[in-house]
Amino acid sequence: MEIAGQSWNILCWDGSLHGEAAAVMDACEKAVALAPENGEFRDSRGIARALTGDKQGAIEDFQAFIESTNWEEGKKQRQGWIDALKAGKNPFTEEEIEELLR
């Protein structure tokens, strides 16, 4: 039985935002491997990467998301995350994570 990329992506997103980014990284990688051009999958993996200390990988994933979407608010938010990561800051504060979980 094959597990769909979207299922891996949901596990990646939810696990990362619930404090288990390292544990779900394999799911994130599987989602992206199944659909490398899917900006949503790259976005989820970017969060996991940022939360596990892979700042450069996170920046690359968020940039891929920005290039794949027309959602202006999402682009601005991800650019803010990129800017914070480049400045050595963690954009995923408790408040930011709570907002993403909504």
PDB file of N, CA and C in Angstrom:
ATOM      1  N   MET A   1       0.840  -1.166   0.000  1.00  0.00           N
ATOM      2  CA  MET A   1       0.000   0.000   0.000  1.00  0.00           C
ATOM      3  C   MET A   1       0.894   1.242   0.000  1.00  0.00           C
ATOM      4  N   GLU A   2       0.560   2.195  -0.838  1.00  0.00           N
ATOM      5  CA  GLU A   2       1.324   3.434  -0.921  1.00  0.00           C
ATOM      6  C   GLU A   2       0.628   4.535  -0.127  1.00  0.00           C
ATOM      7  N   ILE A   3       1.399   5.260   0.654  1.00  0.00           N
ATOM      8  CA  ILE A   3       0.863   6.377   1.424  1.00  0.00           C
ATOM      9  C   ILE A   3       1.025   7.638   0.586  1.00  0.00           C
ATOM     10  N   ALA A   4      -0.040   8.394   0.466  1.00  0.00           N
ATOM     11  CA  ALA A   4      -0.041   9.603  -0.360  1.00  0.00           C
ATOM     12  C   ALA A   4       0.831  10.698   0.247  1.00  0.00           C
ATOM     13  N   GLY A   5       1.387  11.521  -0.625  1.00  0.00           N
ATOM     14  CA  GLY A   5       2.218  12.636  -0.188  1.00  0.00           C
ATOM     15  C   GLY A   5       1.491  13.554   0.777  1.00  0.00           C
ATOM     16  N   GLN A   6       0.207  13.791   0.531  1.00  0.00           N
ATOM     17  CA  GLN A   6      -0.557  14.680   1.415  1.00  0.00           C
ATOM     18  C   GLN A   6      -0.626  14.121   2.832  1.00  0.00           C
ATOM     19  N   SER A   7      -0.721  12.808   2.961  1.00  0.00           N
ATOM     20  CA  SER A   7      -0.743  12.200   4.297  1.00  0.00           C
ATOM     21  C   SER A   7       0.590  12.397   5.007  1.00  0.00           C
ATOM     22  N   TRP A   8       1.689  12.195   4.289  1.00  0.00           N
ATOM     23  CA  TRP A   8       3.009  12.455   4.869  1.00  0.00           C
ATOM     24  C   TRP A   8       3.120  13.924   5.263  1.00  0.00           C
ATOM     25  N   ASN A   9       2.600  14.809   4.422  1.00  0.00           N
ATOM     26  CA  ASN A   9       2.676  16.240   4.683  1.00  0.00           C
ATOM     27  C   ASN A   9       1.897  16.633   5.938  1.00  0.00           C
ATOM     28  N   ILE A  10       0.726  16.069   6.110  1.00  0.00           N
ATOM     29  CA  ILE A  10      -0.077  16.369   7.308  1.00  0.00           C
ATOM     30  C   ILE A  10       0.678  15.935   8.561  1.00  0.00           C
ATOM     31  N   LEU A  11       1.276  14.754   8.515  1.00  0.00           N
ATOM     32  CA  LEU A  11       2.060  14.264   9.652  1.00  0.00           C
ATOM     33  C   LEU A  11       3.238  15.196   9.925  1.00  0.00           C
ATOM     34  N   CYS A  12       3.899  15.633   8.865  1.00  0.00           N
ATOM     35  CA  CYS A  12       5.032  16.545   8.978  1.00  0.00           C
ATOM     36  C   CYS A  12       4.606  17.861   9.640  1.00  0.00           C
ATOM     37  N   TRP A  13       3.567  18.477   9.106  1.00  0.00           N
ATOM     38  CA  TRP A  13       3.075  19.771   9.607  1.00  0.00           C
ATOM     39  C   TRP A  13       2.640  19.659  11.065  1.00  0.00           C
ATOM     40  N   ASP A  14       1.741  18.720  11.332  1.00  0.00           N
ATOM     41  CA  ASP A  14       1.183  18.603  12.679  1.00  0.00           C
ATOM     42  C   ASP A  14       2.244  18.186  13.691  1.00  0.00           C
ATOM     43  N   GLY A  15       3.081  17.229  13.332  1.00  0.00           N
ATOM     44  CA  GLY A  15       4.123  16.787  14.245  1.00  0.00           C
ATOM     45  C   GLY A  15       5.096  17.907  14.570  1.00  0.00           C
ATOM     46  N   SER A  16       5.483  18.653  13.552  1.00  0.00           N
ATOM     47  CA  SER A  16       6.426  19.757  13.760  1.00  0.00           C
ATOM     48  C   SER A  16       5.849  20.802  14.702  1.00  0.00           C
ATOM     49  N   LEU A  17       4.612  21.169  14.469  1.00  0.00           N
ATOM     50  CA  LEU A  17       3.990  22.216  15.277  1.00  0.00           C
ATOM     51  C   LEU A  17       3.613  21.757  16.684  1.00  0.00           C
ATOM     52  N   HIS A  18       3.616  20.441  16.894  1.00  0.00           N
ATOM     53  CA  HIS A  18       3.337  19.906  18.236  1.00  0.00           C
ATOM     54  C   HIS A  18       4.618  19.454  18.938  1.00  0.00           C
ATOM     55  N   GLY A  19       5.763  20.006  18.508  1.00  0.00           N
ATOM     56  CA  GLY A  19       7.007  19.766  19.222  1.00  0.00           C
ATOM     57  C   GLY A  19       7.754  18.494  18.867  1.00  0.00           C
ATOM     58  N   GLU A  20       7.395  17.869  17.756  1.00  0.00           N
ATOM     59  CA  GLU A  20       8.021  16.603  17.373  1.00  0.00           C
ATOM     60  C   GLU A  20       8.693  16.682  16.003  1.00  0.00           C
ATOM     61  N   ALA A  21       9.288  17.828  15.693  1.00  0.00           N
ATOM     62  CA  ALA A  21       9.877  18.030  14.364  1.00  0.00           C
ATOM     63  C   ALA A  21      10.909  16.962  14.017  1.00  0.00           C
ATOM     64  N   ALA A  22      11.782  16.634  14.942  1.00  0.00           N
ATOM     65  CA  ALA A  22      12.815  15.630  14.653  1.00  0.00           C
ATOM     66  C   ALA A  22      12.181  14.266  14.382  1.00  0.00           C
ATOM     67  N   ALA A  23      11.144  13.943  15.127  1.00  0.00           N
ATOM     68  CA  ALA A  23      10.503  12.633  14.983  1.00  0.00           C
ATOM     69  C   ALA A  23       9.763  12.483  13.660  1.00  0.00           C
ATOM     70  N   VAL A  24       9.284  13.592  13.097  1.00  0.00           N
ATOM     71  CA  VAL A  24       8.509  13.507  11.853  1.00  0.00           C
ATOM     72  C   VAL A  24       9.310  13.910  10.615  1.00  0.00           C
ATOM     73  N   MET A  25      10.599  14.168  10.777  1.00  0.00           N
ATOM     74  CA  MET A  25      11.398  14.606   9.634  1.00  0.00           C
ATOM     75  C   MET A  25      11.354  13.599   8.484  1.00  0.00           C
ATOM     76  N   ASP A  26      11.330  12.325   8.785  1.00  0.00           N
ATOM     77  CA  ASP A  26      11.251  11.312   7.731  1.00  0.00           C
ATOM     78  C   ASP A  26       9.962  11.473   6.930  1.00  0.00           C
ATOM     79  N   ALA A  27       8.861  11.768   7.596  1.00  0.00           N
ATOM     80  CA  ALA A  27       7.587  12.002   6.903  1.00  0.00           C
ATOM     81  C   ALA A  27       7.690  13.218   5.998  1.00  0.00           C
ATOM     82  N   CYS A  28       8.371  14.259   6.474  1.00  0.00           N
ATOM     83  CA  CYS A  28       8.561  15.476   5.674  1.00  0.00           C
ATOM     84  C   CYS A  28       9.348  15.156   4.409  1.00  0.00           C
ATOM     85  N   GLU A  29      10.417  14.400   4.567  1.00  0.00           N
ATOM     86  CA  GLU A  29      11.255  14.025   3.430  1.00  0.00           C
ATOM     87  C   GLU A  29      10.480  13.163   2.433  1.00  0.00           C
ATOM     88  N   LYS A  30       9.649  12.263   2.934  1.00  0.00           N
ATOM     89  CA  LYS A  30       8.860  11.405   2.046  1.00  0.00           C
ATOM     90  C   LYS A  30       7.845  12.220   1.250  1.00  0.00           C
ATOM     91  N   ALA A  31       7.210  13.186   1.897  1.00  0.00           N
ATOM     92  CA  ALA A  31       6.240  14.033   1.186  1.00  0.00           C
ATOM     93  C   ALA A  31       6.930  14.772   0.049  1.00  0.00           C
ATOM     94  N   VAL A  32       8.066  15.389   0.344  1.00  0.00           N
ATOM     95  CA  VAL A  32       8.786  16.158  -0.683  1.00  0.00           C
ATOM     96  C   VAL A  32       9.318  15.235  -1.775  1.00  0.00           C
ATOM     97  N   ALA A  33       9.773  14.049  -1.413  1.00  0.00           N
ATOM     98  CA  ALA A  33      10.273  13.104  -2.418  1.00  0.00           C
ATOM     99  C   ALA A  33       9.173  12.703  -3.403  1.00  0.00           C
ATOM    100  N   LEU A  34       7.958  12.602  -2.918  1.00  0.00           N
ATOM    101  CA  LEU A  34       6.835  12.224  -3.787  1.00  0.00           C
ATOM    102  C   LEU A  34       6.387  13.366  -4.697  1.00  0.00           C
ATOM    103  N   ALA A  35       6.613  14.605  -4.273  1.00  0.00           N
ATOM    104  CA  ALA A  35       6.188  15.765  -5.067  1.00  0.00           C
ATOM    105  C   ALA A  35       7.134  16.939  -4.788  1.00  0.00           C
ATOM    106  N   PRO A  36       8.342  16.896  -5.357  1.00  0.00           N
ATOM    107  CA  PRO A  36       9.347  17.913  -5.052  1.00  0.00           C
ATOM    108  C   PRO A  36       8.953  19.339  -5.436  1.00  0.00           C
ATOM    109  N   GLU A  37       8.028  19.494  -6.342  1.00  0.00           N
ATOM    110  CA  GLU A  37       7.608  20.832  -6.769  1.00  0.00           C
ATOM    111  C   GLU A  37       6.414  21.355  -5.976  1.00  0.00           C
ATOM    112  N   ASN A  38       5.923  20.573  -5.029  1.00  0.00           N
ATOM    113  CA  ASN A  38       4.764  20.975  -4.232  1.00  0.00           C
ATOM    114  C   ASN A  38       5.209  21.960  -3.152  1.00  0.00           C
ATOM    115  N   GLY A  39       4.819  23.206  -3.296  1.00  0.00           N
ATOM    116  CA  GLY A  39       5.221  24.247  -2.364  1.00  0.00           C
ATOM    117  C   GLY A  39       4.725  24.016  -0.949  1.00  0.00           C
ATOM    118  N   GLU A  40       3.544  23.436  -0.796  1.00  0.00           N
ATOM    119  CA  GLU A  40       3.020  23.165   0.540  1.00  0.00           C
ATOM    120  C   GLU A  40       3.873  22.130   1.260  1.00  0.00           C
ATOM    121  N   PHE A  41       4.310  21.115   0.532  1.00  0.00           N
ATOM    122  CA  PHE A  41       5.145  20.086   1.147  1.00  0.00           C
ATOM    123  C   PHE A  41       6.487  20.688   1.557  1.00  0.00           C
ATOM    124  N   ARG A  42       7.033  21.553   0.696  1.00  0.00           N
ATOM    125  CA  ARG A  42       8.304  22.215   1.008  1.00  0.00           C
ATOM    126  C   ARG A  42       8.131  23.138   2.213  1.00  0.00           C
ATOM    127  N   ASP A  43       6.991  23.792   2.310  1.00  0.00           N
ATOM    128  CA  ASP A  43       6.699  24.688   3.421  1.00  0.00           C
ATOM    129  C   ASP A  43       6.697  23.919   4.743  1.00  0.00           C
ATOM    130  N   SER A  44       6.014  22.795   4.766  1.00  0.00           N
ATOM    131  CA  SER A  44       5.960  21.974   5.980  1.00  0.00           C
ATOM    132  C   SER A  44       7.353  21.497   6.368  1.00  0.00           C
ATOM    133  N   ARG A  45       8.099  21.009   5.373  1.00  0.00           N
ATOM    134  CA  ARG A  45       9.456  20.553   5.678  1.00  0.00           C
ATOM    135  C   ARG A  45      10.314  21.716   6.159  1.00  0.00           C
ATOM    136  N   GLY A  46      10.074  22.903   5.620  1.00  0.00           N
ATOM    137  CA  GLY A  46      10.812  24.079   6.069  1.00  0.00           C
ATOM    138  C   GLY A  46      10.621  24.348   7.553  1.00  0.00           C
ATOM    139  N   ILE A  47       9.402  24.194   8.020  1.00  0.00           N
ATOM    140  CA  ILE A  47       9.147  24.387   9.447  1.00  0.00           C
ATOM    141  C   ILE A  47       9.916  23.348  10.256  1.00  0.00           C
ATOM    142  N   ALA A  48       9.830  22.094   9.832  1.00  0.00           N
ATOM    143  CA  ALA A  48      10.556  21.031  10.539  1.00  0.00           C
ATOM    144  C   ALA A  48      12.054  21.307  10.524  1.00  0.00           C
ATOM    145  N   ARG A  49      12.566  21.729   9.383  1.00  0.00           N
ATOM    146  CA  ARG A  49      13.995  22.020   9.284  1.00  0.00           C
ATOM    147  C   ARG A  49      14.378  23.166  10.214  1.00  0.00           C
ATOM    148  N   ALA A  50      13.579  24.214  10.236  1.00  0.00           N
ATOM    149  CA  ALA A  50      13.889  25.352  11.105  1.00  0.00           C
ATOM    150  C   ALA A  50      13.885  24.925  12.569  1.00  0.00           C
ATOM    151  N   LEU A  51      12.918  24.124  12.940  1.00  0.00           N
ATOM    152  CA  LEU A  51      12.787  23.699  14.329  1.00  0.00           C
ATOM    153  C   LEU A  51      13.862  22.700  14.755  1.00  0.00           C
ATOM    154  N   THR A  52      14.529  22.080  13.789  1.00  0.00           N
ATOM    155  CA  THR A  52      15.599  21.135  14.118  1.00  0.00           C
ATOM    156  C   THR A  52      16.987  21.720  13.847  1.00  0.00           C
ATOM    157  N   GLY A  53      17.039  23.025  13.554  1.00  0.00           N
ATOM    158  CA  GLY A  53      18.319  23.695  13.410  1.00  0.00           C
ATOM    159  C   GLY A  53      18.899  23.780  12.016  1.00  0.00           C
ATOM    160  N   ASP A  54      18.180  23.274  11.010  1.00  0.00           N
ATOM    161  CA  ASP A  54      18.665  23.347   9.623  1.00  0.00           C
ATOM    162  C   ASP A  54      18.152  24.645   9.002  1.00  0.00           C
ATOM    163  N   LYS A  55      18.783  25.743   9.376  1.00  0.00           N
ATOM    164  CA  LYS A  55      18.316  27.056   8.926  1.00  0.00           C
ATOM    165  C   LYS A  55      18.410  27.213   7.414  1.00  0.00           C
ATOM    166  N   GLN A  56      19.521  26.799   6.812  1.00  0.00           N
ATOM    167  CA  GLN A  56      19.681  26.961   5.368  1.00  0.00           C
ATOM    168  C   GLN A  56      18.645  26.134   4.608  1.00  0.00           C
ATOM    169  N   GLY A  57      18.407  24.907   5.046  1.00  0.00           N
ATOM    170  CA  GLY A  57      17.393  24.072   4.413  1.00  0.00           C
ATOM    171  C   GLY A  57      16.005  24.686   4.538  1.00  0.00           C
ATOM    172  N   ALA A  58      15.721  25.258   5.703  1.00  0.00           N
ATOM    173  CA  ALA A  58      14.429  25.906   5.924  1.00  0.00           C
ATOM    174  C   ALA A  58      14.266  27.098   4.992  1.00  0.00           C
ATOM    175  N   ILE A  59      15.310  27.903   4.871  1.00  0.00           N
ATOM    176  CA  ILE A  59      15.259  29.063   3.984  1.00  0.00           C
ATOM    177  C   ILE A  59      14.979  28.621   2.551  1.00  0.00           C
ATOM    178  N   GLU A  60      15.654  27.578   2.100  1.00  0.00           N
ATOM    179  CA  GLU A  60      15.437  27.067   0.738  1.00  0.00           C
ATOM    180  C   GLU A  60      13.992  26.607   0.551  1.00  0.00           C
ATOM    181  N   ASP A  61      13.455  25.906   1.542  1.00  0.00           N
ATOM    182  CA  ASP A  61      12.075  25.429   1.432  1.00  0.00           C
ATOM    183  C   ASP A  61      11.079  26.579   1.440  1.00  0.00           C
ATOM    184  N   PHE A  62      11.284  27.568   2.308  1.00  0.00           N
ATOM    185  CA  PHE A  62      10.356  28.697   2.339  1.00  0.00           C
ATOM    186  C   PHE A  62      10.433  29.500   1.041  1.00  0.00           C
ATOM    187  N   GLN A  63      11.626  29.617   0.478  1.00  0.00           N
ATOM    188  CA  GLN A  63      11.773  30.311  -0.804  1.00  0.00           C
ATOM    189  C   GLN A  63      11.020  29.560  -1.901  1.00  0.00           C
ATOM    190  N   ALA A  64      11.105  28.235  -1.874  1.00  0.00           N
ATOM    191  CA  ALA A  64      10.375  27.425  -2.862  1.00  0.00           C
ATOM    192  C   ALA A  64       8.872  27.630  -2.707  1.00  0.00           C
ATOM    193  N   PHE A  65       8.395  27.723  -1.465  1.00  0.00           N
ATOM    194  CA  PHE A  65       6.978  27.981  -1.233  1.00  0.00           C
ATOM    195  C   PHE A  65       6.579  29.329  -1.829  1.00  0.00           C
ATOM    196  N   ILE A  66       7.373  30.361  -1.539  1.00  0.00           N
ATOM    197  CA  ILE A  66       7.083  31.704  -2.043  1.00  0.00           C
ATOM    198  C   ILE A  66       6.972  31.692  -3.565  1.00  0.00           C
ATOM    199  N   GLU A  67       7.870  30.990  -4.215  1.00  0.00           N
ATOM    200  CA  GLU A  67       7.879  30.934  -5.678  1.00  0.00           C
ATOM    201  C   GLU A  67       6.733  30.108  -6.250  1.00  0.00           C
ATOM    202  N   SER A  68       6.094  29.283  -5.414  1.00  0.00           N
ATOM    203  CA  SER A  68       5.055  28.382  -5.920  1.00  0.00           C
ATOM    204  C   SER A  68       3.629  28.881  -5.691  1.00  0.00           C
ATOM    205  N   THR A  69       3.473  29.986  -4.992  1.00  0.00           N
ATOM    206  CA  THR A  69       2.119  30.400  -4.609  1.00  0.00           C
ATOM    207  C   THR A  69       1.799  31.818  -5.064  1.00  0.00           C
ATOM    208  N   ASN A  70       0.517  32.083  -5.167  1.00  0.00           N
ATOM    209  CA  ASN A  70       0.031  33.438  -5.429  1.00  0.00           C
ATOM    210  C   ASN A  70      -0.565  34.066  -4.168  1.00  0.00           C
ATOM    211  N   TRP A  71      -0.516  33.340  -3.062  1.00  0.00           N
ATOM    212  CA  TRP A  71      -1.087  33.778  -1.788  1.00  0.00           C
ATOM    213  C   TRP A  71      -0.155  34.827  -1.173  1.00  0.00           C
ATOM    214  N   GLU A  72      -0.508  36.094  -1.343  1.00  0.00           N
ATOM    215  CA  GLU A  72       0.354  37.198  -0.933  1.00  0.00           C
ATOM    216  C   GLU A  72       0.634  37.221   0.566  1.00  0.00           C
ATOM    217  N   GLU A  73      -0.367  36.971   1.377  1.00  0.00           N
ATOM    218  CA  GLU A  73      -0.169  36.964   2.826  1.00  0.00           C
ATOM    219  C   GLU A  73       0.825  35.870   3.227  1.00  0.00           C
ATOM    220  N   GLY A  74       0.674  34.702   2.612  1.00  0.00           N
ATOM    221  CA  GLY A  74       1.598  33.605   2.892  1.00  0.00           C
ATOM    222  C   GLY A  74       3.017  33.925   2.461  1.00  0.00           C
ATOM    223  N   LYS A  75       3.160  34.594   1.328  1.00  0.00           N
ATOM    224  CA  LYS A  75       4.493  34.992   0.857  1.00  0.00           C
ATOM    225  C   LYS A  75       5.154  35.939   1.857  1.00  0.00           C
ATOM    226  N   LYS A  76       4.389  36.910   2.339  1.00  0.00           N
ATOM    227  CA  LYS A  76       4.930  37.883   3.295  1.00  0.00           C
ATOM    228  C   LYS A  76       5.344  37.191   4.594  1.00  0.00           C
ATOM    229  N   GLN A  77       4.505  36.288   5.052  1.00  0.00           N
ATOM    230  CA  GLN A  77       4.805  35.567   6.291  1.00  0.00           C
ATOM    231  C   GLN A  77       6.091  34.756   6.129  1.00  0.00           C
ATOM    232  N   ARG A  78       6.197  34.006   5.037  1.00  0.00           N
ATOM    233  CA  ARG A  78       7.401  33.185   4.819  1.00  0.00           C
ATOM    234  C   ARG A  78       8.640  34.046   4.632  1.00  0.00           C
ATOM    235  N   GLN A  79       8.498  35.194   3.977  1.00  0.00           N
ATOM    236  CA  GLN A  79       9.648  36.085   3.831  1.00  0.00           C
ATOM    237  C   GLN A  79      10.104  36.584   5.198  1.00  0.00           C
ATOM    238  N   GLY A  80       9.159  36.832   6.085  1.00  0.00           N
ATOM    239  CA  GLY A  80       9.503  37.223   7.447  1.00  0.00           C
ATOM    240  C   GLY A  80      10.270  36.120   8.162  1.00  0.00           C
ATOM    241  N   TRP A  81       9.846  34.869   7.942  1.00  0.00           N
ATOM    242  CA  TRP A  81      10.563  33.743   8.542  1.00  0.00           C
ATOM    243  C   TRP A  81      11.982  33.661   7.991  1.00  0.00           C
ATOM    244  N   ILE A  82      12.118  33.838   6.673  1.00  0.00           N
ATOM    245  CA  ILE A  82      13.437  33.801   6.041  1.00  0.00           C
ATOM    246  C   ILE A  82      14.315  34.892   6.633  1.00  0.00           C
ATOM    247  N   ASP A  83      13.783  36.105   6.736  1.00  0.00           N
ATOM    248  CA  ASP A  83      14.556  37.221   7.270  1.00  0.00           C
ATOM    249  C   ASP A  83      15.007  36.942   8.709  1.00  0.00           C
ATOM    250  N   ALA A  84      14.111  36.380   9.515  1.00  0.00           N
ATOM    251  CA  ALA A  84      14.454  36.057  10.901  1.00  0.00           C
ATOM    252  C   ALA A  84      15.547  34.997  10.956  1.00  0.00           C
ATOM    253  N   LEU A  85      15.417  33.951  10.151  1.00  0.00           N
ATOM    254  CA  LEU A  85      16.431  32.891  10.139  1.00  0.00           C
ATOM    255  C   LEU A  85      17.788  33.424   9.705  1.00  0.00           C
ATOM    256  N   LYS A  86      17.791  34.288   8.702  1.00  0.00           N
ATOM    257  CA  LYS A  86      19.056  34.878   8.244  1.00  0.00           C
ATOM    258  C   LYS A  86      19.691  35.749   9.321  1.00  0.00           C
ATOM    259  N   ALA A  87      18.856  36.323  10.175  1.00  0.00           N
ATOM    260  CA  ALA A  87      19.343  37.172  11.268  1.00  0.00           C
ATOM    261  C   ALA A  87      19.702  36.352  12.508  1.00  0.00           C
ATOM    262  N   GLY A  88      19.593  35.031  12.401  1.00  0.00           N
ATOM    263  CA  GLY A  88      19.929  34.169  13.530  1.00  0.00           C
ATOM    264  C   GLY A  88      18.843  34.047  14.575  1.00  0.00           C
ATOM    265  N   LYS A  89      17.619  34.422  14.202  1.00  0.00           N
ATOM    266  CA  LYS A  89      16.494  34.361  15.141  1.00  0.00           C
ATOM    267  C   LYS A  89      15.577  33.201  14.790  1.00  0.00           C
ATOM    268  N   ASN A  90      14.843  32.741  15.785  1.00  0.00           N
ATOM    269  CA  ASN A  90      13.855  31.684  15.590  1.00  0.00           C
ATOM    270  C   ASN A  90      12.485  32.330  15.364  1.00  0.00           C
ATOM    271  N   PRO A  91      11.937  32.221  14.144  1.00  0.00           N
ATOM    272  CA  PRO A  91      10.638  32.853  13.898  1.00  0.00           C
ATOM    273  C   PRO A  91       9.473  32.087  14.516  1.00  0.00           C
ATOM    274  N   PHE A  92       9.744  30.883  15.011  1.00  0.00           N
ATOM    275  CA  PHE A  92       8.657  30.039  15.498  1.00  0.00           C
ATOM    276  C   PHE A  92       8.504  30.151  17.008  1.00  0.00           C
ATOM    277  N   THR A  93       8.032  31.332  17.388  1.00  0.00           N
ATOM    278  CA  THR A  93       7.713  31.588  18.786  1.00  0.00           C
ATOM    279  C   THR A  93       6.472  30.778  19.149  1.00  0.00           C
ATOM    280  N   GLU A  94       6.208  30.717  20.429  1.00  0.00           N
ATOM    281  CA  GLU A  94       5.010  30.028  20.895  1.00  0.00           C
ATOM    282  C   GLU A  94       3.755  30.619  20.241  1.00  0.00           C
ATOM    283  N   GLU A  95       3.721  31.952  20.119  1.00  0.00           N
ATOM    284  CA  GLU A  95       2.570  32.627  19.519  1.00  0.00           C
ATOM    285  C   GLU A  95       2.430  32.276  18.037  1.00  0.00           C
ATOM    286  N   GLU A  96       3.557  32.234  17.323  1.00  0.00           N
ATOM    287  CA  GLU A  96       3.530  31.904  15.892  1.00  0.00           C
ATOM    288  C   GLU A  96       3.038  30.480  15.688  1.00  0.00           C
ATOM    289  N   ILE A  97       3.501  29.572  16.507  1.00  0.00           N
ATOM    290  CA  ILE A  97       3.084  28.175  16.394  1.00  0.00           C
ATOM    291  C   ILE A  97       1.591  28.049  16.703  1.00  0.00           C
ATOM    292  N   GLU A  98       1.115  28.749  17.720  1.00  0.00           N
ATOM    293  CA  GLU A  98      -0.319  28.715  18.034  1.00  0.00           C
ATOM    294  C   GLU A  98      -1.145  29.218  16.861  1.00  0.00           C
ATOM    295  N   GLU A  99      -0.663  30.267  16.205  1.00  0.00           N
ATOM    296  CA  GLU A  99      -1.368  30.813  15.043  1.00  0.00           C
ATOM    297  C   GLU A  99      -1.398  29.802  13.889  1.00  0.00           C
ATOM    298  N   LEU A 100      -0.293  29.138  13.657  1.00  0.00           N
ATOM    299  CA  LEU A 100      -0.225  28.144  12.584  1.00  0.00           C
ATOM    300  C   LEU A 100      -1.105  26.935  12.847  1.00  0.00           C
ATOM    301  N   LEU A 101      -1.324  26.633  14.105  1.00  0.00           N
ATOM    302  CA  LEU A 101      -2.176  25.492  14.449  1.00  0.00           C
ATOM    303  C   LEU A 101      -3.669  25.788  14.246  1.00  0.00           C
ATOM    304  N   ARG A 102      -4.019  27.061  14.081  1.00  0.00           N
ATOM    305  CA  ARG A 102      -5.431  27.427  13.883  1.00  0.00           C
ATOM    306  C   ARG A 102      -5.864  27.202  12.471  1.00  0.00           C
TER     307      ARG A 102
END
